[in-house]
C-alpha atoms as a PDB file:
ATOM      1  CA  MET A   1     122.748 -12.847 147.164  1.00  0.00           C
ATOM      2  CA  THR A   2     123.389 -12.304 150.994  1.00  0.00           C
ATOM      3  CA  GLY A   3     122.262  -9.562 153.279  1.00  0.00           C
ATOM      4  CA  PRO A   4     119.023  -7.917 153.668  1.00  0.00           C
ATOM      5  CA  LEU A   5     116.745  -7.667 150.607  1.00  0.00           C
ATOM      6  CA  VAL A   6     115.826  -3.649 150.112  1.00  0.00           C
ATOM      7  CA  PHE A   7     115.010  -2.327 146.946  1.00  0.00           C
ATOM      8  CA  ALA A   8     112.674  -0.330 144.843  1.00  0.00           C
ATOM      9  CA  HIS A   9     111.102  -1.646 141.599  1.00  0.00           C
ATOM     10  CA  GLN A  10     108.570  -0.224 139.106  1.00  0.00           C
ATOM     11  CA  THR A  11     106.665  -2.442 136.554  1.00  0.00           C
ATOM     12  CA  LEU A  12     105.279  -0.471 133.776  1.00  0.00           C
ATOM     13  CA  GLY A  13     101.744  -1.352 132.671  1.00  0.00           C
ATOM     14  CA  GLN A  14     101.431  -2.802 129.425  1.00  0.00           C
ATOM     15  CA  ARG A  15      98.985  -5.296 127.521  1.00  0.00           C
ATOM     16  CA  VAL A  16     100.945  -8.037 125.775  1.00  0.00           C
ATOM     17  CA  LEU A  17      99.362 -10.147 123.072  1.00  0.00           C
ATOM     18  CA  PHE A  18     101.260 -13.069 122.030  1.00  0.00           C
ATOM     19  CA  GLY A  19     100.792 -15.372 118.707  1.00  0.00           C
ATOM     20  CA  SER A  20     101.979 -16.562 115.729  1.00  0.00           C
ATOM     21  CA  GLY A  21      99.698 -15.594 112.812  1.00  0.00           C
ATOM     22  CA  LEU A  22      97.384 -13.699 114.984  1.00  0.00           C
ATOM     23  CA  ALA A  23      98.689  -9.995 114.504  1.00  0.00           C
ATOM     24  CA  ALA A  24      96.291  -8.559 112.163  1.00  0.00           C
ATOM     25  CA  ALA A  25      93.426  -9.901 114.247  1.00  0.00           C
ATOM     26  CA  ASN A  26      94.627  -8.769 117.584  1.00  0.00           C
ATOM     27  CA  VAL A  27      95.623  -5.117 116.125  1.00  0.00           C
ATOM     28  CA  ALA A  28      91.971  -4.935 115.062  1.00  0.00           C
ATOM     29  CA  GLU A  29      90.439  -5.795 118.350  1.00  0.00           C
ATOM     30  CA  GLU A  30      93.019  -3.400 119.861  1.00  0.00           C
ATOM     31  CA  VAL A  31      91.725  -0.434 117.522  1.00  0.00           C
ATOM     32  CA  ASP A  32      88.059  -1.445 118.325  1.00  0.00           C
ATOM     33  CA  ARG A  33      89.082  -1.623 122.137  1.00  0.00           C
ATOM     34  CA  LEU A  34      90.663   1.727 122.315  1.00  0.00           C
ATOM     35  CA  ARG A  35      87.799   3.145 119.869  1.00  0.00           C
ATOM     36  CA  ALA A  36      90.156   5.132 117.618  1.00  0.00           C
ATOM     37  CA  ASN A  37      88.633   7.107 114.774  1.00  0.00           C
ATOM     38  CA  SER A  38      92.159   8.399 112.979  1.00  0.00           C
ATOM     39  CA  VAL A  39      94.812   5.656 112.797  1.00  0.00           C
ATOM     40  CA  MET A  40      98.204   6.132 111.643  1.00  0.00           C
ATOM     41  CA  VAL A  41     100.100   3.043 110.711  1.00  0.00           C
ATOM     42  CA  ILE A  42     104.137   3.565 110.813  1.00  0.00           C
ATOM     43  CA  THR A  43     106.269   0.901 109.065  1.00  0.00           C
ATOM     44  CA  GLY A  44     109.907   0.196 108.439  1.00  0.00           C
ATOM     45  CA  GLY A  45     111.241  -1.973 105.805  1.00  0.00           C
ATOM     46  CA  HIS A  46     111.021  -5.957 105.538  1.00  0.00           C
ATOM     47  CA  ASP A  47     107.668  -5.666 106.987  1.00  0.00           C
ATOM     48  CA  ALA A  48     106.024  -2.982 104.602  1.00  0.00           C
ATOM     49  CA  ASP A  49     103.683  -5.408 102.836  1.00  0.00           C
ATOM     50  CA  PHE A  50     102.031  -6.822 106.098  1.00  0.00           C
ATOM     51  CA  ALA A  51     101.724  -3.033 107.311  1.00  0.00           C
ATOM     52  CA  PHE A  52     100.031  -1.652 104.167  1.00  0.00           C
ATOM     53  CA  ARG A  53      97.244  -4.797 104.100  1.00  0.00           C
ATOM     54  CA  LEU A  54      96.828  -4.088 107.761  1.00  0.00           C
ATOM     55  CA  ALA A  55      96.372  -0.384 107.262  1.00  0.00           C
ATOM     56  CA  HIS A  56      93.730  -1.178 104.485  1.00  0.00           C
ATOM     57  CA  GLN A  57      92.235  -3.687 107.127  1.00  0.00           C
ATOM     58  CA  ILE A  58      91.524  -1.292 110.048  1.00  0.00           C
ATOM     59  CA  LYS A  59      90.958   1.339 107.586  1.00  0.00           C
ATOM     60  CA  ALA A  60      93.759   3.754 108.783  1.00  0.00           C
ATOM     61  CA  ALA A  61      93.736   7.412 108.075  1.00  0.00           C
ATOM     62  CA  LEU A  62      97.544   7.516 106.827  1.00  0.00           C
ATOM     63  CA  THR A  63     100.342   5.067 106.357  1.00  0.00           C
ATOM     64  CA  TYR A  64     103.643   6.407 106.848  1.00  0.00           C
ATOM     65  CA  ASP A  65     107.025   4.984 105.857  1.00  0.00           C
ATOM     66  CA  GLU A  66     109.583   7.830 106.114  1.00  0.00           C
ATOM     67  CA  VAL A  67     111.758   6.274 109.120  1.00  0.00           C
ATOM     68  CA  ALA A  68     115.219   5.996 109.591  1.00  0.00           C
ATOM     69  CA  PRO A  69     117.763   4.642 112.520  1.00  0.00           C
ATOM     70  CA  HIS A  70     118.140   6.736 115.709  1.00  0.00           C
ATOM     71  CA  VAL A  71     115.074   9.027 114.736  1.00  0.00           C
ATOM     72  CA  PRO A  72     116.754  11.835 113.153  1.00  0.00           C
ATOM     73  CA  ILE A  73     114.976  15.306 114.599  1.00  0.00           C
ATOM     74  CA  GLU A  74     113.975  16.255 110.700  1.00  0.00           C
ATOM     75  CA  LYS A  75     111.788  12.804 110.420  1.00  0.00           C
ATOM     76  CA  ALA A  76     110.536  13.236 113.786  1.00  0.00           C
ATOM     77  CA  GLU A  77     108.960  16.595 113.209  1.00  0.00           C
ATOM     78  CA  LYS A  78     107.971  15.643 109.769  1.00  0.00           C
ATOM     79  CA  ALA A  79     106.035  12.683 111.328  1.00  0.00           C
ATOM     80  CA  ARG A  80     104.557  14.992 113.872  1.00  0.00           C
ATOM     81  CA  ALA A  81     103.222  17.361 111.441  1.00  0.00           C
ATOM     82  CA  ALA A  82     101.470  14.442 109.425  1.00  0.00           C
ATOM     83  CA  ALA A  83      99.934  13.069 112.686  1.00  0.00           C
ATOM     84  CA  LYS A  84      98.680  16.489 113.528  1.00  0.00           C
ATOM     85  CA  GLU A  85      97.387  17.133 110.104  1.00  0.00           C
ATOM     86  CA  TYR A  86      95.204  13.896 109.908  1.00  0.00           C
ATOM     87  CA  ASP A  87      94.251  14.330 113.963  1.00  0.00           C
ATOM     88  CA  VAL A  88      95.666  11.048 114.707  1.00  0.00           C
ATOM     89  CA  ASP A  89      94.353   9.513 117.847  1.00  0.00           C
ATOM     90  CA  LEU A  90      96.236   6.239 117.750  1.00  0.00           C
ATOM     91  CA  VAL A  91      99.545   5.280 116.199  1.00  0.00           C
ATOM     92  CA  VAL A  92     100.032   1.561 115.223  1.00  0.00           C
ATOM     93  CA  CYS A  93     103.688   0.833 114.445  1.00  0.00           C
ATOM     94  CA  VAL A  94     105.059  -2.194 112.566  1.00  0.00           C
ATOM     95  CA  GLY A  95     108.711  -2.748 112.330  1.00  0.00           C
ATOM     96  CA  GLY A  96     111.774  -2.620 114.511  1.00  0.00           C
ATOM     97  CA  GLY A  97     113.464   0.167 116.719  1.00  0.00           C
ATOM     98  CA  SER A  98     113.090   2.609 114.029  1.00  0.00           C
ATOM     99  CA  ALA A  99     109.621   2.517 113.410  1.00  0.00           C
ATOM    100  CA  ILE A 100     108.731   2.498 117.058  1.00  0.00           C
ATOM    101  CA  GLY A 101     111.113   5.061 117.756  1.00  0.00           C
ATOM    102  CA  LEU A 102     109.338   7.334 115.522  1.00  0.00           C
ATOM    103  CA  ALA A 103     105.928   6.455 116.939  1.00  0.00           C
ATOM    104  CA  LYS A 104     107.541   7.450 120.306  1.00  0.00           C
ATOM    105  CA  ALA A 105     108.826  10.586 118.891  1.00  0.00           C
ATOM    106  CA  ILE A 106     105.208  11.375 117.788  1.00  0.00           C
ATOM    107  CA  ALA A 107     103.851  10.336 121.390  1.00  0.00           C
ATOM    108  CA  LEU A 108     106.318  12.113 123.067  1.00  0.00           C
ATOM    109  CA  THR A 109     104.688  15.702 122.089  1.00  0.00           C
ATOM    110  CA  SER A 110     101.048  14.822 121.350  1.00  0.00           C
ATOM    111  CA  ARG A 111     100.512  12.069 123.905  1.00  0.00           C
ATOM    112  CA  VAL A 112      98.657   9.666 121.331  1.00  0.00           C
ATOM    113  CA  PRO A 113      98.725   6.132 122.452  1.00  0.00           C
ATOM    114  CA  ILE A 114     100.829   3.584 120.642  1.00  0.00           C
ATOM    115  CA  ILE A 115     100.308  -0.092 119.576  1.00  0.00           C
ATOM    116  CA  ALA A 116     103.359  -1.800 118.644  1.00  0.00           C
ATOM    117  CA  VAL A 117     104.031  -4.738 116.485  1.00  0.00           C
ATOM    118  CA  PRO A 118     107.670  -5.524 116.504  1.00  0.00           C
ATOM    119  CA  THR A 119     109.029  -7.476 113.726  1.00  0.00           C
ATOM    120  CA  THR A 120     112.856  -7.565 115.013  1.00  0.00           C
ATOM    121  CA  TYR A 121     114.137  -8.152 118.469  1.00  0.00           C
ATOM    122  CA  ALA A 122     114.924  -4.520 119.406  1.00  0.00           C
ATOM    123  CA  GLY A 123     112.845  -4.252 122.824  1.00  0.00           C
ATOM    124  CA  SER A 124     111.930  -0.777 122.209  1.00  0.00           C
ATOM    125  CA  GLU A 125     108.146  -1.858 122.319  1.00  0.00           C
ATOM    126  CA  ALA A 126     108.502  -2.692 126.132  1.00  0.00           C
ATOM    127  CA  THR A 127     110.178   0.426 127.248  1.00  0.00           C
ATOM    128  CA  ASN A 128     109.254   4.024 128.187  1.00  0.00           C
ATOM    129  CA  VAL A 129     112.658   5.051 126.692  1.00  0.00           C
ATOM    130  CA  TRP A 130     112.720   7.393 123.856  1.00  0.00           C
ATOM    131  CA  GLY A 131     115.676   8.602 121.655  1.00  0.00           C
ATOM    132  CA  ILE A 132     116.079  11.271 119.117  1.00  0.00           C
ATOM    133  CA  THR A 133     119.245  12.525 117.293  1.00  0.00           C
ATOM    134  CA  GLU A 134     120.097  16.077 116.484  1.00  0.00           C
ATOM    135  CA  ALA A 135     123.520  17.440 115.090  1.00  0.00           C
ATOM    136  CA  SER A 136     124.868  13.838 115.241  1.00  0.00           C
ATOM    137  CA  ARG A 137     124.232  13.628 118.922  1.00  0.00           C
ATOM    138  CA  LYS A 138     121.454  11.123 120.144  1.00  0.00           C
ATOM    139  CA  THR A 139     119.678  12.321 123.159  1.00  0.00           C
ATOM    140  CA  THR A 140     117.349   9.756 125.074  1.00  0.00           C
ATOM    141  CA  GLY A 141     114.888  10.421 127.923  1.00  0.00           C
ATOM    142  CA  VAL A 142     112.274   8.549 129.866  1.00  0.00           C
ATOM    143  CA  ASP A 143     108.491   9.264 129.588  1.00  0.00           C
ATOM    144  CA  ASP A 144     105.818   6.754 130.334  1.00  0.00           C
ATOM    145  CA  CYS A 145     103.723   8.452 127.555  1.00  0.00           C
ATOM    146  CA  VAL A 146     105.983   6.957 125.115  1.00  0.00           C
ATOM    147  CA  LEU A 147     105.368   3.506 126.503  1.00  0.00           C
ATOM    148  CA  PRO A 148     103.250   1.603 123.927  1.00  0.00           C
ATOM    149  CA  LEU A 149      99.764   0.543 125.525  1.00  0.00           C
ATOM    150  CA  THR A 150      99.662  -2.712 123.704  1.00  0.00           C
ATOM    151  CA  VAL A 151     102.454  -4.893 122.230  1.00  0.00           C
ATOM    152  CA  ILE A 152     101.510  -7.481 119.646  1.00  0.00           C
ATOM    153  CA  TYR A 153     104.103 -10.169 118.930  1.00  0.00           C
ATOM    154  CA  ASP A 154     103.762 -12.488 115.997  1.00  0.00           C
ATOM    155  CA  ALA A 155     106.816 -14.571 114.876  1.00  0.00           C
ATOM    156  CA  GLU A 156     105.463 -15.292 111.573  1.00  0.00           C
ATOM    157  CA  LEU A 157     106.151 -11.287 110.798  1.00  0.00           C
ATOM    158  CA  THR A 158     109.960 -12.114 111.772  1.00  0.00           C
ATOM    159  CA  LEU A 159     110.372 -14.702 109.020  1.00  0.00           C
ATOM    160  CA  SER A 160     111.393 -12.383 106.346  1.00  0.00           C
ATOM    161  CA  LEU A 161     114.274 -11.020 108.620  1.00  0.00           C
ATOM    162  CA  PRO A 162     117.379 -12.387 107.325  1.00  0.00           C
ATOM    163  CA  ALA A 163     119.150 -14.653 109.620  1.00  0.00           C
ATOM    164  CA  GLU A 164     122.236 -12.250 109.866  1.00  0.00           C
ATOM    165  CA  LEU A 165     119.968  -9.443 110.938  1.00  0.00           C
ATOM    166  CA  SER A 166     117.964 -11.842 113.101  1.00  0.00           C
ATOM    167  CA  VAL A 167     121.170 -12.640 114.941  1.00  0.00           C
ATOM    168  CA  ALA A 168     122.353  -9.179 115.329  1.00  0.00           C
ATOM    169  CA  SER A 169     118.945  -7.963 116.754  1.00  0.00           C
ATOM    170  CA  GLY A 170     118.688 -11.014 118.851  1.00  0.00           C
ATOM    171  CA  LEU A 171     122.279 -10.202 120.486  1.00  0.00           C
ATOM    172  CA  ASN A 172     121.145  -6.403 120.898  1.00  0.00           C
ATOM    173  CA  ALA A 173     118.274  -7.874 123.048  1.00  0.00           C
ATOM    174  CA  LEU A 174     120.600  -9.979 125.110  1.00  0.00           C
ATOM    175  CA  ALA A 175     122.695  -6.953 125.683  1.00  0.00           C
ATOM    176  CA  HIS A 176     119.736  -5.313 127.192  1.00  0.00           C
ATOM    177  CA  CYS A 177     119.741  -8.329 129.575  1.00  0.00           C
ATOM    178  CA  VAL A 178     123.372  -8.216 130.539  1.00  0.00           C
ATOM    179  CA  ASP A 179     123.215  -4.436 130.947  1.00  0.00           C
ATOM    180  CA  SER A 180     120.342  -4.636 133.382  1.00  0.00           C
ATOM    181  CA  LEU A 181     122.213  -6.667 135.935  1.00  0.00           C
ATOM    182  CA  TRP A 182     124.109  -3.756 136.466  1.00  0.00           C
ATOM    183  CA  ALA A 183     122.331  -0.721 135.544  1.00  0.00           C
ATOM    184  CA  PRO A 184     121.563   2.132 138.033  1.00  0.00           C
ATOM    185  CA  ARG A 185     118.186   0.688 139.165  1.00  0.00           C
ATOM    186  CA  ALA A 186     119.291  -3.096 138.982  1.00  0.00           C
ATOM    187  CA  ASP A 187     117.285  -5.225 141.232  1.00  0.00           C
ATOM    188  CA  PRO A 188     116.548  -9.014 141.972  1.00  0.00           C
ATOM    189  CA  LEU A 189     113.322  -8.697 139.762  1.00  0.00           C
ATOM    190  CA  ASN A 190     115.058  -7.390 136.703  1.00  0.00           C
ATOM    191  CA  ALA A 191     117.710  -9.965 137.325  1.00  0.00           C
ATOM    192  CA  ALA A 192     115.572 -12.708 137.195  1.00  0.00           C
ATOM    193  CA  MET A 193     113.738 -11.737 133.877  1.00  0.00           C
ATOM    194  CA  ALA A 194     117.302 -10.892 132.636  1.00  0.00           C
ATOM    195  CA  SER A 195     118.339 -14.478 133.522  1.00  0.00           C
ATOM    196  CA  GLU A 196     115.241 -15.906 131.861  1.00  0.00           C
ATOM    197  CA  GLY A 197     115.750 -13.561 128.821  1.00  0.00           C
ATOM    198  CA  ILE A 198     119.250 -14.659 128.270  1.00  0.00           C
ATOM    199  CA  ARG A 199     118.276 -18.384 128.242  1.00  0.00           C
ATOM    200  CA  ALA A 200     115.485 -17.804 125.883  1.00  0.00           C
ATOM    201  CA  LEU A 201     117.605 -15.629 123.450  1.00  0.00           C
ATOM    202  CA  ALA A 202     120.334 -18.009 123.163  1.00  0.00           C
ATOM    203  CA  SER A 203     118.144 -20.942 122.746  1.00  0.00           C
ATOM    204  CA  GLY A 204     115.966 -19.042 120.322  1.00  0.00           C
ATOM    205  CA  LEU A 205     119.102 -17.756 118.121  1.00  0.00           C
ATOM    206  CA  LEU A 206     120.686 -21.024 118.015  1.00  0.00           C
ATOM    207  CA  ALA A 207     117.468 -22.577 116.668  1.00  0.00           C
ATOM    208  CA  LEU A 208     116.673 -19.751 114.193  1.00  0.00           C
ATOM    209  CA  LYS A 209     120.430 -19.921 113.120  1.00  0.00           C
ATOM    210  CA  ALA A 210     120.179 -23.556 112.258  1.00  0.00           C
ATOM    211  CA  ASP A 211     116.691 -23.044 110.281  1.00  0.00           C
ATOM    212  CA  PRO A 212     115.699 -19.432 109.663  1.00  0.00           C
ATOM    213  CA  SER A 213     112.203 -21.021 109.064  1.00  0.00           C
ATOM    214  CA  ASN A 214     112.045 -22.207 112.837  1.00  0.00           C
ATOM    215  CA  LEU A 215     108.970 -20.690 113.742  1.00  0.00           C
ATOM    216  CA  GLN A 216     109.404 -21.846 117.769  1.00  0.00           C
ATOM    217  CA  GLY A 217     112.979 -20.527 117.654  1.00  0.00           C
ATOM    218  CA  ARG A 218     111.666 -17.238 116.688  1.00  0.00           C
ATOM    219  CA  GLU A 219     108.988 -17.250 119.334  1.00  0.00           C
ATOM    220  CA  GLN A 220     111.560 -18.002 121.909  1.00  0.00           C
ATOM    221  CA  THR A 221     113.764 -15.198 120.642  1.00  0.00           C
ATOM    222  CA  GLN A 222     110.632 -12.729 120.874  1.00  0.00           C
ATOM    223  CA  TYR A 223     109.932 -13.977 124.383  1.00  0.00           C
ATOM    224  CA  GLY A 224     113.337 -13.194 125.269  1.00  0.00           C
ATOM    225  CA  ALA A 225     113.479 -10.080 123.821  1.00  0.00           C
ATOM    226  CA  TYR A 226     110.316  -8.875 125.621  1.00  0.00           C
ATOM    227  CA  LEU A 227     112.025 -10.036 128.956  1.00  0.00           C
ATOM    228  CA  SER A 228     115.267  -8.201 128.001  1.00  0.00           C
ATOM    229  CA  ALA A 229     113.250  -4.873 127.410  1.00  0.00           C
ATOM    230  CA  VAL A 230     111.148  -5.082 130.407  1.00  0.00           C
ATOM    231  CA  ALA A 231     114.291  -5.526 132.832  1.00  0.00           C
ATOM    232  CA  PHE A 232     115.903  -2.566 130.798  1.00  0.00           C
ATOM    233  CA  ALA A 233     113.120  -0.371 131.288  1.00  0.00           C
ATOM    234  CA  SER A 234     113.390  -1.071 135.065  1.00  0.00           C
ATOM    235  CA  ALA A 235     116.921  -1.232 135.567  1.00  0.00           C
ATOM    236  CA  GLY A 236     117.856   1.819 133.413  1.00  0.00           C
ATOM    237  CA  SER A 237     120.686   2.376 130.762  1.00  0.00           C
ATOM    238  CA  GLY A 238     124.126   0.886 132.026  1.00  0.00           C
ATOM    239  CA  ILE A 239     127.657   1.436 130.396  1.00  0.00           C
ATOM    240  CA  HIS A 240     126.712  -1.174 127.076  1.00  0.00           C
ATOM    241  CA  HIS A 241     124.016   1.139 126.206  1.00  0.00           C
ATOM    242  CA  LYS A 242     125.825   4.487 126.757  1.00  0.00           C
ATOM    243  CA  ILE A 243     128.584   3.377 124.506  1.00  0.00           C
ATOM    244  CA  CYS A 244     126.196   2.343 121.822  1.00  0.00           C
ATOM    245  CA  HIS A 245     124.072   5.257 121.954  1.00  0.00           C
ATOM    246  CA  VAL A 246     126.823   7.506 121.585  1.00  0.00           C
ATOM    247  CA  LEU A 247     128.453   5.522 118.649  1.00  0.00           C
ATOM    248  CA  GLY A 248     125.028   4.994 116.762  1.00  0.00           C
ATOM    249  CA  GLY A 249     123.997   9.095 117.318  1.00  0.00           C
ATOM    250  CA  ALA A 250     127.510  10.531 116.454  1.00  0.00           C
ATOM    251  CA  TYR A 251     128.630   7.966 113.918  1.00  0.00           C
ATOM    252  CA  ASP A 252     125.765   6.777 112.316  1.00  0.00           C
ATOM    253  CA  LEU A 253     126.232   3.139 113.013  1.00  0.00           C
ATOM    254  CA  PRO A 254     123.591   0.345 112.567  1.00  0.00           C
ATOM    255  CA  HIS A 255     121.969  -0.211 115.638  1.00  0.00           C
ATOM    256  CA  ALA A 256     121.807  -3.908 116.202  1.00  0.00           C
ATOM    257  CA  GLN A 257     125.082  -4.615 114.776  1.00  0.00           C
ATOM    258  CA  THR A 258     126.913  -1.870 117.211  1.00  0.00           C
ATOM    259  CA  HIS A 259     125.282  -3.656 120.098  1.00  0.00           C
ATOM    260  CA  ALA A 260     125.997  -6.869 119.097  1.00  0.00           C
ATOM    261  CA  THR A 261     129.745  -5.966 118.497  1.00  0.00           C
ATOM    262  CA  VAL A 262     130.301  -4.084 121.593  1.00  0.00           C
ATOM    263  CA  LEU A 263     128.731  -6.630 124.144  1.00  0.00           C
ATOM    264  CA  PRO A 264     131.327  -8.943 124.844  1.00  0.00           C
ATOM    265  CA  TYR A 265     133.894  -6.303 125.369  1.00  0.00           C
ATOM    266  CA  VAL A 266     131.651  -4.635 128.124  1.00  0.00           C
ATOM    267  CA  LEU A 267     131.155  -7.997 129.651  1.00  0.00           C
ATOM    268  CA  ALA A 268     134.646  -8.781 129.898  1.00  0.00           C
ATOM    269  CA  PHE A 269     135.584  -5.424 131.290  1.00  0.00           C
ATOM    270  CA  ASN A 270     132.931  -5.727 133.886  1.00  0.00           C
ATOM    271  CA  ALA A 271     132.666  -9.276 134.793  1.00  0.00           C
ATOM    272  CA  PRO A 272     135.430  -9.546 137.296  1.00  0.00           C
ATOM    273  CA  TYR A 273     134.000  -6.662 139.288  1.00  0.00           C
ATOM    274  CA  ALA A 274     130.502  -8.031 139.161  1.00  0.00           C
ATOM    275  CA  PRO A 275     130.504 -11.664 140.372  1.00  0.00           C
ATOM    276  CA  GLU A 276     126.650 -12.375 141.175  1.00  0.00           C
ATOM    277  CA  ALA A 277     125.750 -10.757 137.690  1.00  0.00           C
ATOM    278  CA  SER A 278     128.538 -12.755 136.051  1.00  0.00           C
ATOM    279  CA  ALA A 279     127.376 -15.951 137.528  1.00  0.00           C
ATOM    280  CA  ARG A 280     123.998 -15.401 136.583  1.00  0.00           C
ATOM    281  CA  ILE A 281     124.911 -14.698 132.949  1.00  0.00           C
ATOM    282  CA  ALA A 282     127.176 -17.788 132.706  1.00  0.00           C
ATOM    283  CA  ALA A 283     124.454 -20.109 133.998  1.00  0.00           C
ATOM    284  CA  ALA A 284     121.622 -18.633 131.723  1.00  0.00           C
ATOM    285  CA  LEU A 285     124.270 -19.583 128.685  1.00  0.00           C
ATOM    286  CA  GLY A 286     124.935 -22.980 130.072  1.00  0.00           C
ATOM    287  CA  HIS A 287     128.466 -22.381 130.855  1.00  0.00           C
ATOM    288  CA  ASN A 288     130.742 -22.033 133.950  1.00  0.00           C
ATOM    289  CA  ASP A 289     132.114 -18.923 132.652  1.00  0.00           C
ATOM    290  CA  ALA A 290     130.120 -15.741 131.577  1.00  0.00           C
ATOM    291  CA  VAL A 291     132.450 -14.104 128.801  1.00  0.00           C
ATOM    292  CA  GLN A 292     133.410 -17.984 127.402  1.00  0.00           C
ATOM    293  CA  GLY A 293     129.839 -18.683 127.283  1.00  0.00           C
ATOM    294  CA  LEU A 294     128.843 -15.547 125.249  1.00  0.00           C
ATOM    295  CA  ASN A 295     131.998 -16.060 122.963  1.00  0.00           C
ATOM    296  CA  GLN A 296     130.732 -19.684 122.223  1.00  0.00           C
ATOM    297  CA  LEU A 297     127.294 -18.353 121.418  1.00  0.00           C
ATOM    298  CA  ARG A 298     128.760 -15.774 119.085  1.00  0.00           C
ATOM    299  CA  ARG A 299     130.744 -18.213 117.333  1.00  0.00           C
ATOM    300  CA  ALA A 300     128.213 -20.412 116.852  1.00  0.00           C
ATOM    301  CA  LEU A 301     125.883 -17.573 115.253  1.00  0.00           C
ATOM    302  CA  ASP A 302     128.529 -15.895 113.304  1.00  0.00           C
ATOM    303  CA  ALA A 303     128.028 -12.783 115.424  1.00  0.00           C
ATOM    304  CA  PRO A 304     129.150  -9.173 114.043  1.00  0.00           C
ATOM    305  CA  VAL A 305     132.693  -8.761 115.196  1.00  0.00           C
ATOM    306  CA  ALA A 306     134.176  -5.435 114.734  1.00  0.00           C
ATOM    307  CA  LEU A 307     133.031  -1.888 114.490  1.00  0.00           C
ATOM    308  CA  ARG A 308     135.359  -1.110 111.731  1.00  0.00           C
ATOM    309  CA  ASN A 309     133.239  -3.213 109.531  1.00  0.00           C
ATOM    310  CA  TYR A 310     130.301  -0.529 109.771  1.00  0.00           C
ATOM    311  CA  GLY A 311     131.797   2.702 109.096  1.00  0.00           C
ATOM    312  CA  LEU A 312     133.594   3.499 112.515  1.00  0.00           C
ATOM    313  CA  LYS A 313     137.401   5.051 111.771  1.00  0.00           C
ATOM    314  CA  GLU A 314     139.921   4.746 114.025  1.00  0.00           C
ATOM    315  CA  THR A 315     140.351   8.206 114.184  1.00  0.00           C
ATOM    316  CA  ASP A 316     136.946   8.459 115.713  1.00  0.00           C
ATOM    317  CA  LEU A 317     137.828   6.746 118.734  1.00  0.00           C
ATOM    318  CA  PRO A 318     139.236   9.520 120.887  1.00  0.00           C
ATOM    319  CA  GLU A 319     136.410  11.748 120.408  1.00  0.00           C
ATOM    320  CA  ALA A 320     134.056   8.530 121.070  1.00  0.00           C
ATOM    321  CA  THR A 321     135.639   8.111 124.247  1.00  0.00           C
ATOM    322  CA  ASP A 322     135.229  11.662 125.384  1.00  0.00           C
ATOM    323  CA  LEU A 323     131.650  11.760 124.451  1.00  0.00           C
ATOM    324  CA  ILE A 324     131.069   8.235 125.971  1.00  0.00           C
ATOM    325  CA  LEU A 325     132.933   8.901 129.279  1.00  0.00           C
ATOM    326  CA  ARG A 326     130.574  11.578 130.472  1.00  0.00           C
ATOM    327  CA  ALA A 327     127.537   9.481 130.062  1.00  0.00           C
ATOM    328  CA  ILE A 328     128.898   6.363 132.133  1.00  0.00           C
ATOM    329  CA  PRO A 329     126.845   5.533 135.019  1.00  0.00           C
ATOM    330  CA  SER A 330     128.680   6.085 138.451  1.00  0.00           C
ATOM    331  CA  SER A 331     126.869   2.788 139.469  1.00  0.00           C
ATOM    332  CA  ASN A 332     128.923   0.745 137.291  1.00  0.00           C
ATOM    333  CA  PRO A 333     130.470  -2.024 139.226  1.00  0.00           C
ATOM    334  CA  ARG A 334     133.906  -1.294 137.851  1.00  0.00           C
ATOM    335  CA  PRO A 335     135.388   2.213 137.803  1.00  0.00           C
ATOM    336  CA  VAL A 336     135.901   3.546 134.232  1.00  0.00           C
ATOM    337  CA  THR A 337     138.982   5.598 133.171  1.00  0.00           C
ATOM    338  CA  GLN A 338     139.321   7.382 129.858  1.00  0.00           C
ATOM    339  CA  GLN A 339     142.060   4.769 129.312  1.00  0.00           C
ATOM    340  CA  ASP A 340     139.909   1.831 129.945  1.00  0.00           C
ATOM    341  CA  LEU A 341     137.372   3.229 127.653  1.00  0.00           C
ATOM    342  CA  LEU A 342     139.629   3.752 124.784  1.00  0.00           C
ATOM    343  CA  THR A 343     141.235   0.490 125.214  1.00  0.00           C
ATOM    344  CA  LEU A 344     137.691  -1.028 125.074  1.00  0.00           C
ATOM    345  CA  LEU A 345     136.812   0.731 121.969  1.00  0.00           C
ATOM    346  CA  GLN A 346     139.920  -0.005 120.159  1.00  0.00           C
ATOM    347  CA  ALA A 347     139.198  -3.745 120.960  1.00  0.00           C
ATOM    348  CA  ALA A 348     135.696  -3.494 119.622  1.00  0.00           C
ATOM    349  CA  TRP A 349     136.749  -1.597 116.597  1.00  0.00           C
ATOM    350  CA  SER A 350     139.509  -4.270 115.566  1.00  0.00           C
ATOM    351  CA  GLY A 351     137.317  -7.258 116.502  1.00  0.00           C
ATOM    352  CA  ALA A 352     140.213  -8.282 118.970  1.00  0.00           C
ATOM    353  CA  GLU A 353     139.858 -11.507 120.691  1.00  0.00           C
ATOM    354  CA  VAL A 354     137.928 -11.258 123.936  1.00  0.00           C
ATOM    355  CA  LEU A 355     139.290 -12.929 126.844  1.00  0.00           C
ATOM    356  CA  SER A 356     137.630 -13.709 130.224  1.00  0.00           C
END
């Protein structure tokens, strides 16, 4: 970086407890520390058994499992009503982005604090960003009240997450890192965290791909996911996330797989116009070229390759282009035209080879 160093950076205040096998004890300690009287436990899918045991241990007033991707407004309203009925004063969410997103929807209107126990690598646990889908349109916003007070990481809780979904979720986290290098509030501190996040995610994902029971690989991936989310929360939402949020909300595409699929196309689009970011990404991936380094990693991981595999129709692409174009930040390093965006989406839809 050359020239004077001038930037504004905001660090979000949050307590993080990290340790394999320690989640139940750490949650219980936090519930006591916060003096909660009526706890609501929210759980998603593969982690439900742990969540129900945890709810029994902490004497939760309510265990809630009606979650869905992208937080449909109907699900949010129902969960809010349940929290109000039980006079909930603390929400403990166990799961991925869907469970954490529902907890945030409750906190957005009630200001109830959240303890997040992530069991995927979504990263939502470390951001003050919320999202709700209504009438096939996903709306996102920023409010500090949805930032979990405490995040509890336990890699043992990710062991039941299949390797294929672990890869997609981890690449979603890697997309947070990449996007934070050119998002509207990108700064040197975000860049440092993003670089370390990419390095940790790449090494962790390769380890868990080789051996899904490798706890150290999963710990590295959780660590990288946290860094990715912190960088993203500070830097804001760039072109990649604008694309994926529209696709997820409008066409009900799976969150992690969509991010994992779109990422290389966004990187190839922006990299020539963002040489410093591109160099950081390449170095973190241990390669001399960012796009080639990501391609190499994705091949080793058997990453998702085409949006058409997840329900997006080719006839949806013109409408998606219109919806996304209006959301692209003006700060993107490369100007984005309608044709540019349509070409990018067509490539991601078909799974065309990504060239640097």
